[in-house]
Amino acid sequence: MIAVGILLFGAWMIDYDRPVSANQLPAPAREFLTAHYADSRPALVKKEFEHLRVTYKVILTDATKLEFHGNGSWKAIESKLGTVPSEIVPQPIRNYITENFPGCSVSEIKHGRRSYEVELNNGIDLTFDNRDFFLTDYDD
């Protein structure tokens, strides 16, 4: 009985780790892509089962990688060839970067439950509390 349950659960998980069309993304994710990445198209969209939750991973034609929660809210953005659009980065974090790292831009951002992790184009990693946006970690 337990073996059958494990097999069924395994088959269910495999079903969620597969390519899907961009039209199958949740509406908030599609709207996010239209608003912030209108000049780029999805080259690959994957629906994945991760930590007992559904996530979507999108790779754009400009090599930007995005990750969305199952509800379509963004989780992470990595733009190694360009920068993360500034309007995505919360204003207090933008202010901190402008004041302390003039001329630098965000190449990667991750939004967790309690923090934002930001990587600048000069390789410096910053972590901010997501309530008060104070700097909690700095790694160069």
N, C-alpha and C. Protein backbone atom coordinates (compact mmCIF):
# COMPACT_ATOMS: atom_id res chain seq x y z
N MET A 1 0.82 -1.20 0.00
CA MET A 1 0.00 0.00 0.00
C MET A 1 0.87 1.27 0.00
N ILE A 2 1.89 1.27 0.86
CA ILE A 2 2.77 2.43 0.93
C ILE A 2 3.54 2.58 -0.38
N ALA A 3 3.99 1.46 -0.94
CA ALA A 3 4.74 1.51 -2.20
C ALA A 3 3.90 2.09 -3.32
N VAL A 4 2.61 1.74 -3.37
CA VAL A 4 1.71 2.30 -4.39
C VAL A 4 1.58 3.80 -4.20
N GLY A 5 1.45 4.24 -2.95
CA GLY A 5 1.36 5.67 -2.67
C GLY A 5 2.60 6.41 -3.10
N ILE A 6 3.77 5.82 -2.83
CA ILE A 6 5.03 6.46 -3.24
C ILE A 6 5.12 6.54 -4.75
N LEU A 7 4.73 5.48 -5.45
CA LEU A 7 4.75 5.49 -6.92
C LEU A 7 3.81 6.54 -7.48
N LEU A 8 2.61 6.63 -6.92
CA LEU A 8 1.65 7.63 -7.41
C LEU A 8 2.14 9.04 -7.13
N PHE A 9 2.71 9.24 -5.93
CA PHE A 9 3.24 10.57 -5.60
C PHE A 9 4.39 10.92 -6.52
N GLY A 10 5.28 9.95 -6.78
CA GLY A 10 6.40 10.18 -7.70
C GLY A 10 5.94 10.51 -9.10
N ALA A 11 4.93 9.82 -9.58
CA ALA A 11 4.37 10.10 -10.91
C ALA A 11 3.75 11.48 -10.95
N TRP A 12 3.09 11.89 -9.88
CA TRP A 12 2.48 13.22 -9.81
C TRP A 12 3.56 14.29 -9.85
N MET A 13 4.68 14.07 -9.12
CA MET A 13 5.76 15.05 -9.11
C MET A 13 6.40 15.17 -10.48
N ILE A 14 6.60 14.08 -11.18
CA ILE A 14 7.21 14.11 -12.51
C ILE A 14 6.35 14.92 -13.45
N ASP A 15 5.04 14.80 -13.31
CA ASP A 15 4.12 15.54 -14.17
C ASP A 15 4.31 17.05 -14.04
N TYR A 16 4.76 17.51 -12.88
CA TYR A 16 4.91 18.95 -12.67
C TYR A 16 6.28 19.49 -13.03
N ASP A 17 7.18 18.65 -13.46
CA ASP A 17 8.50 19.12 -13.87
C ASP A 17 8.60 18.96 -15.39
N ARG A 18 7.93 19.91 -16.09
CA ARG A 18 7.83 19.78 -17.54
C ARG A 18 7.70 21.14 -18.20
N PRO A 19 8.09 21.22 -19.45
CA PRO A 19 7.89 22.47 -20.19
C PRO A 19 6.39 22.71 -20.43
N VAL A 20 6.01 23.97 -20.39
CA VAL A 20 4.63 24.38 -20.69
C VAL A 20 4.70 25.60 -21.59
N SER A 21 3.58 25.99 -22.14
CA SER A 21 3.56 27.20 -22.97
C SER A 21 3.46 28.43 -22.07
N ALA A 22 3.87 29.56 -22.58
CA ALA A 22 3.80 30.80 -21.82
C ALA A 22 2.35 31.14 -21.45
N ASN A 23 1.41 30.70 -22.27
CA ASN A 23 -0.01 30.94 -21.97
C ASN A 23 -0.48 30.19 -20.73
N GLN A 24 0.28 29.19 -20.29
CA GLN A 24 -0.09 28.41 -19.11
C GLN A 24 0.45 29.01 -17.82
N LEU A 25 1.22 30.09 -17.92
CA LEU A 25 1.66 30.80 -16.72
C LEU A 25 0.44 31.43 -16.05
N PRO A 26 0.46 31.56 -14.72
CA PRO A 26 -0.62 32.28 -14.05
C PRO A 26 -0.70 33.72 -14.57
N ALA A 27 -1.89 34.29 -14.56
CA ALA A 27 -2.11 35.64 -15.09
C ALA A 27 -1.13 36.68 -14.52
N PRO A 28 -0.87 36.71 -13.19
CA PRO A 28 0.09 37.71 -12.69
C PRO A 28 1.48 37.58 -13.32
N ALA A 29 1.93 36.37 -13.59
CA ALA A 29 3.25 36.18 -14.21
C ALA A 29 3.23 36.67 -15.65
N ARG A 30 2.17 36.38 -16.38
CA ARG A 30 2.06 36.87 -17.77
C ARG A 30 2.04 38.39 -17.79
N GLU A 31 1.28 39.00 -16.88
CA GLU A 31 1.20 40.47 -16.80
C GLU A 31 2.56 41.07 -16.44
N PHE A 32 3.29 40.42 -15.53
CA PHE A 32 4.62 40.87 -15.13
C PHE A 32 5.57 40.87 -16.33
N LEU A 33 5.55 39.79 -17.10
CA LEU A 33 6.41 39.70 -18.28
C LEU A 33 6.04 40.77 -19.31
N THR A 34 4.77 41.01 -19.51
CA THR A 34 4.32 42.03 -20.46
C THR A 34 4.75 43.42 -20.00
N ALA A 35 4.62 43.68 -18.70
CA ALA A 35 4.94 45.01 -18.17
C ALA A 35 6.44 45.29 -18.15
N HIS A 36 7.26 44.28 -17.82
CA HIS A 36 8.69 44.54 -17.59
C HIS A 36 9.63 43.96 -18.65
N TYR A 37 9.12 43.04 -19.46
CA TYR A 37 9.97 42.40 -20.46
C TYR A 37 9.26 42.31 -21.81
N ALA A 38 8.63 43.38 -22.20
CA ALA A 38 7.86 43.40 -23.45
C ALA A 38 8.74 43.18 -24.68
N ASP A 39 10.01 43.54 -24.60
CA ASP A 39 10.92 43.41 -25.75
C ASP A 39 11.53 42.01 -25.88
N SER A 40 11.24 41.14 -24.94
CA SER A 40 11.82 39.81 -24.96
C SER A 40 10.71 38.77 -24.92
N ARG A 41 10.97 37.62 -25.52
CA ARG A 41 9.98 36.54 -25.53
C ARG A 41 10.49 35.38 -24.68
N PRO A 42 9.57 34.58 -24.12
CA PRO A 42 10.00 33.38 -23.41
C PRO A 42 10.57 32.36 -24.41
N ALA A 43 11.77 31.87 -24.14
CA ALA A 43 12.37 30.80 -24.94
C ALA A 43 12.01 29.45 -24.34
N LEU A 44 11.86 29.42 -23.00
CA LEU A 44 11.50 28.19 -22.31
C LEU A 44 10.69 28.55 -21.07
N VAL A 45 9.61 27.83 -20.85
CA VAL A 45 8.79 27.97 -19.65
C VAL A 45 8.64 26.58 -19.06
N LYS A 46 8.97 26.45 -17.78
CA LYS A 46 8.84 25.15 -17.12
C LYS A 46 7.96 25.28 -15.89
N LYS A 47 7.11 24.30 -15.70
CA LYS A 47 6.32 24.18 -14.48
C LYS A 47 7.01 23.11 -13.65
N GLU A 48 7.40 23.47 -12.41
CA GLU A 48 8.15 22.54 -11.58
C GLU A 48 7.49 22.37 -10.22
N PHE A 49 7.71 21.21 -9.67
CA PHE A 49 7.26 20.90 -8.32
C PHE A 49 8.48 21.00 -7.42
N GLU A 50 8.48 22.00 -6.53
CA GLU A 50 9.65 22.27 -5.71
C GLU A 50 9.22 22.52 -4.27
N HIS A 51 9.76 21.75 -3.35
CA HIS A 51 9.44 21.90 -1.92
C HIS A 51 7.93 21.83 -1.68
N LEU A 52 7.30 20.87 -2.31
CA LEU A 52 5.85 20.65 -2.19
C LEU A 52 5.02 21.81 -2.72
N ARG A 53 5.62 22.62 -3.57
CA ARG A 53 4.91 23.74 -4.18
C ARG A 53 5.20 23.81 -5.67
N VAL A 54 4.27 24.37 -6.40
CA VAL A 54 4.46 24.58 -7.84
C VAL A 54 5.20 25.89 -8.04
N THR A 55 6.22 25.86 -8.90
CA THR A 55 6.90 27.09 -9.32
C THR A 55 7.01 27.07 -10.83
N TYR A 56 7.22 28.24 -11.39
CA TYR A 56 7.42 28.37 -12.83
C TYR A 56 8.76 29.01 -13.07
N LYS A 57 9.52 28.45 -14.00
CA LYS A 57 10.80 29.04 -14.38
C LYS A 57 10.71 29.43 -15.84
N VAL A 58 11.16 30.66 -16.12
CA VAL A 58 11.07 31.21 -17.47
C VAL A 58 12.46 31.69 -17.87
N ILE A 59 12.88 31.29 -19.06
CA ILE A 59 14.12 31.82 -19.64
C ILE A 59 13.71 32.60 -20.87
N LEU A 60 14.10 33.88 -20.90
CA LEU A 60 13.74 34.75 -22.02
C LEU A 60 14.80 34.66 -23.12
N THR A 61 14.46 35.15 -24.29
CA THR A 61 15.39 35.11 -25.43
C THR A 61 16.63 35.95 -25.19
N ASP A 62 16.59 36.90 -24.25
CA ASP A 62 17.79 37.69 -23.93
C ASP A 62 18.60 37.06 -22.79
N ALA A 63 18.30 35.79 -22.44
CA ALA A 63 18.99 35.00 -21.41
C ALA A 63 18.61 35.38 -19.98
N THR A 64 17.63 36.23 -19.79
CA THR A 64 17.15 36.54 -18.45
C THR A 64 16.39 35.34 -17.92
N LYS A 65 16.64 35.00 -16.65
CA LYS A 65 15.95 33.89 -16.01
C LYS A 65 15.04 34.45 -14.93
N LEU A 66 13.78 34.00 -14.94
CA LEU A 66 12.81 34.44 -13.94
C LEU A 66 12.19 33.23 -13.29
N GLU A 67 11.85 33.38 -12.02
CA GLU A 67 11.16 32.32 -11.30
C GLU A 67 9.94 32.93 -10.64
N PHE A 68 8.82 32.22 -10.76
CA PHE A 68 7.56 32.68 -10.21
C PHE A 68 6.99 31.64 -9.25
N HIS A 69 6.31 32.12 -8.22
CA HIS A 69 5.56 31.23 -7.34
C HIS A 69 4.37 30.67 -8.12
N GLY A 70 3.73 29.66 -7.58
CA GLY A 70 2.59 29.05 -8.23
C GLY A 70 1.44 30.02 -8.48
N ASN A 71 1.34 31.08 -7.67
CA ASN A 71 0.27 32.07 -7.86
C ASN A 71 0.64 33.14 -8.88
N GLY A 72 1.88 33.09 -9.41
CA GLY A 72 2.29 34.04 -10.43
C GLY A 72 3.10 35.22 -9.94
N SER A 73 3.30 35.35 -8.62
CA SER A 73 4.14 36.45 -8.12
C SER A 73 5.61 36.09 -8.34
N TRP A 74 6.43 37.10 -8.61
CA TRP A 74 7.83 36.81 -8.92
C TRP A 74 8.59 36.41 -7.66
N LYS A 75 9.55 35.52 -7.87
CA LYS A 75 10.37 34.99 -6.78
C LYS A 75 11.83 35.37 -6.97
N ALA A 76 12.32 35.28 -8.21
CA ALA A 76 13.73 35.59 -8.48
C ALA A 76 13.90 36.01 -9.93
N ILE A 77 14.87 36.90 -10.15
CA ILE A 77 15.19 37.37 -11.50
C ILE A 77 16.71 37.42 -11.62
N GLU A 78 17.22 36.84 -12.68
CA GLU A 78 18.66 36.86 -12.94
C GLU A 78 18.89 37.35 -14.36
N SER A 79 19.62 38.45 -14.47
CA SER A 79 19.88 39.06 -15.77
C SER A 79 21.37 39.27 -15.93
N LYS A 80 22.08 38.21 -16.31
CA LYS A 80 23.54 38.27 -16.41
C LYS A 80 24.01 39.15 -17.57
N LEU A 81 23.22 39.27 -18.63
CA LEU A 81 23.62 40.07 -19.78
C LEU A 81 23.13 41.52 -19.71
N GLY A 82 22.22 41.80 -18.80
CA GLY A 82 21.66 43.14 -18.68
C GLY A 82 21.45 43.47 -17.22
N THR A 83 20.38 44.20 -16.95
CA THR A 83 20.05 44.57 -15.58
C THR A 83 18.59 44.26 -15.31
N VAL A 84 18.28 44.10 -14.05
CA VAL A 84 16.90 43.93 -13.63
C VAL A 84 16.24 45.31 -13.75
N PRO A 85 15.06 45.39 -14.37
CA PRO A 85 14.39 46.69 -14.49
C PRO A 85 14.25 47.36 -13.11
N SER A 86 14.63 48.61 -13.04
CA SER A 86 14.69 49.31 -11.75
C SER A 86 13.34 49.36 -11.05
N GLU A 87 12.24 49.40 -11.79
CA GLU A 87 10.94 49.50 -11.13
C GLU A 87 10.56 48.23 -10.37
N ILE A 88 11.26 47.13 -10.61
CA ILE A 88 11.02 45.89 -9.87
C ILE A 88 11.67 45.96 -8.49
N VAL A 89 12.80 46.64 -8.41
CA VAL A 89 13.56 46.75 -7.16
C VAL A 89 12.85 47.76 -6.25
N PRO A 90 12.54 47.37 -5.00
CA PRO A 90 11.87 48.31 -4.08
C PRO A 90 12.67 49.61 -3.93
N GLN A 91 11.96 50.72 -3.84
CA GLN A 91 12.57 52.04 -3.77
C GLN A 91 13.63 52.18 -2.69
N PRO A 92 13.41 51.70 -1.45
CA PRO A 92 14.46 51.85 -0.43
C PRO A 92 15.77 51.13 -0.82
N ILE A 93 15.66 50.02 -1.51
CA ILE A 93 16.87 49.30 -1.96
C ILE A 93 17.55 50.09 -3.08
N ARG A 94 16.75 50.62 -4.00
CA ARG A 94 17.33 51.46 -5.07
C ARG A 94 18.06 52.65 -4.47
N ASN A 95 17.44 53.28 -3.46
CA ASN A 95 18.07 54.44 -2.81
C ASN A 95 19.41 54.04 -2.19
N TYR A 96 19.45 52.92 -1.50
CA TYR A 96 20.68 52.45 -0.86
C TYR A 96 21.77 52.21 -1.91
N ILE A 97 21.41 51.57 -3.00
CA ILE A 97 22.39 51.27 -4.05
C ILE A 97 22.90 52.57 -4.68
N THR A 98 22.01 53.51 -4.95
CA THR A 98 22.40 54.79 -5.56
C THR A 98 23.36 55.55 -4.65
N GLU A 99 23.07 55.55 -3.34
CA GLU A 99 23.90 56.29 -2.39
C GLU A 99 25.25 55.61 -2.14
N ASN A 100 25.27 54.27 -2.09
CA ASN A 100 26.47 53.55 -1.67
C ASN A 100 27.26 52.90 -2.80
N PHE A 101 26.62 52.70 -3.94
CA PHE A 101 27.27 52.07 -5.09
C PHE A 101 26.90 52.82 -6.37
N PRO A 102 27.29 54.09 -6.48
CA PRO A 102 26.91 54.88 -7.64
C PRO A 102 27.39 54.22 -8.94
N GLY A 103 26.52 54.24 -9.93
CA GLY A 103 26.85 53.66 -11.22
C GLY A 103 26.61 52.17 -11.32
N CYS A 104 26.28 51.52 -10.21
CA CYS A 104 26.03 50.07 -10.24
C CYS A 104 24.55 49.80 -10.49
N SER A 105 24.28 48.62 -11.01
CA SER A 105 22.90 48.21 -11.26
C SER A 105 22.70 46.80 -10.72
N VAL A 106 21.44 46.42 -10.62
CA VAL A 106 21.08 45.11 -10.08
C VAL A 106 21.08 44.09 -11.23
N SER A 107 21.86 43.02 -11.05
CA SER A 107 21.87 41.96 -12.06
C SER A 107 21.06 40.75 -11.62
N GLU A 108 20.78 40.67 -10.33
CA GLU A 108 19.98 39.55 -9.81
C GLU A 108 19.26 39.99 -8.55
N ILE A 109 18.01 39.54 -8.39
CA ILE A 109 17.25 39.84 -7.18
C ILE A 109 16.39 38.63 -6.85
N LYS A 110 16.36 38.31 -5.56
CA LYS A 110 15.52 37.23 -5.05
C LYS A 110 14.68 37.78 -3.92
N HIS A 111 13.41 37.46 -3.94
CA HIS A 111 12.50 37.92 -2.91
C HIS A 111 12.07 36.72 -2.08
N GLY A 112 12.56 36.66 -0.84
CA GLY A 112 12.20 35.57 0.06
C GLY A 112 11.13 36.01 1.04
N ARG A 113 10.81 35.14 1.95
CA ARG A 113 9.78 35.46 2.95
C ARG A 113 10.19 36.61 3.85
N ARG A 114 11.48 36.66 4.17
CA ARG A 114 11.94 37.67 5.12
C ARG A 114 12.97 38.64 4.57
N SER A 115 13.37 38.43 3.31
CA SER A 115 14.45 39.28 2.81
C SER A 115 14.44 39.39 1.29
N TYR A 116 15.19 40.38 0.83
CA TYR A 116 15.54 40.53 -0.58
C TYR A 116 17.04 40.29 -0.68
N GLU A 117 17.45 39.43 -1.60
CA GLU A 117 18.86 39.24 -1.89
C GLU A 117 19.12 39.90 -3.24
N VAL A 118 20.13 40.76 -3.28
CA VAL A 118 20.42 41.53 -4.48
C VAL A 118 21.89 41.32 -4.85
N GLU A 119 22.13 41.05 -6.12
CA GLU A 119 23.51 41.01 -6.62
C GLU A 119 23.69 42.16 -7.58
N LEU A 120 24.74 42.95 -7.36
CA LEU A 120 25.03 44.08 -8.22
C LEU A 120 25.91 43.64 -9.39
N ASN A 121 25.96 44.46 -10.42
CA ASN A 121 26.76 44.11 -11.60
C ASN A 121 28.26 44.12 -11.33
N ASN A 122 28.69 44.59 -10.15
CA ASN A 122 30.10 44.54 -9.78
C ASN A 122 30.41 43.30 -8.91
N GLY A 123 29.42 42.41 -8.75
CA GLY A 123 29.62 41.17 -8.00
C GLY A 123 29.32 41.23 -6.53
N ILE A 124 28.98 42.39 -6.01
CA ILE A 124 28.67 42.53 -4.58
C ILE A 124 27.25 42.02 -4.33
N ASP A 125 27.11 41.22 -3.25
CA ASP A 125 25.81 40.70 -2.84
C ASP A 125 25.34 41.45 -1.60
N LEU A 126 24.09 41.87 -1.62
CA LEU A 126 23.49 42.59 -0.51
C LEU A 126 22.20 41.87 -0.10
N THR A 127 21.93 41.83 1.19
CA THR A 127 20.69 41.25 1.68
C THR A 127 19.98 42.29 2.53
N PHE A 128 18.69 42.47 2.25
CA PHE A 128 17.88 43.47 2.95
C PHE A 128 16.70 42.79 3.63
N ASP A 129 16.36 43.26 4.81
CA ASP A 129 15.14 42.85 5.48
C ASP A 129 13.98 43.35 4.62
N ASN A 130 12.94 42.57 4.44
CA ASN A 130 11.88 43.02 3.55
C ASN A 130 10.77 43.81 4.24
N ARG A 131 10.89 44.07 5.53
CA ARG A 131 9.90 44.93 6.20
C ARG A 131 10.39 46.37 6.26
N ASP A 132 11.60 46.54 6.78
CA ASP A 132 12.13 47.89 6.97
C ASP A 132 13.23 48.22 5.97
N PHE A 133 13.59 47.26 5.14
CA PHE A 133 14.61 47.41 4.09
C PHE A 133 15.96 47.86 4.62
N PHE A 134 16.33 47.41 5.83
CA PHE A 134 17.68 47.70 6.29
C PHE A 134 18.61 46.58 5.85
N LEU A 135 19.86 46.95 5.62
CA LEU A 135 20.87 46.00 5.16
C LEU A 135 21.18 45.01 6.28
N THR A 136 21.09 43.71 5.96
CA THR A 136 21.39 42.68 6.96
C THR A 136 22.64 41.88 6.64
N ASP A 137 23.11 41.93 5.39
CA ASP A 137 24.31 41.19 5.02
C ASP A 137 24.95 41.84 3.78
N TYR A 138 26.28 41.77 3.74
CA TYR A 138 27.06 42.35 2.65
C TYR A 138 28.17 41.38 2.30
N ASP A 139 28.28 40.98 1.05
CA ASP A 139 29.30 40.02 0.65
C ASP A 139 29.90 40.49 -0.66
N ASP A 140 31.23 40.69 -0.65
CA ASP A 140 31.87 41.13 -1.89
C ASP A 140 32.72 40.06 -2.52
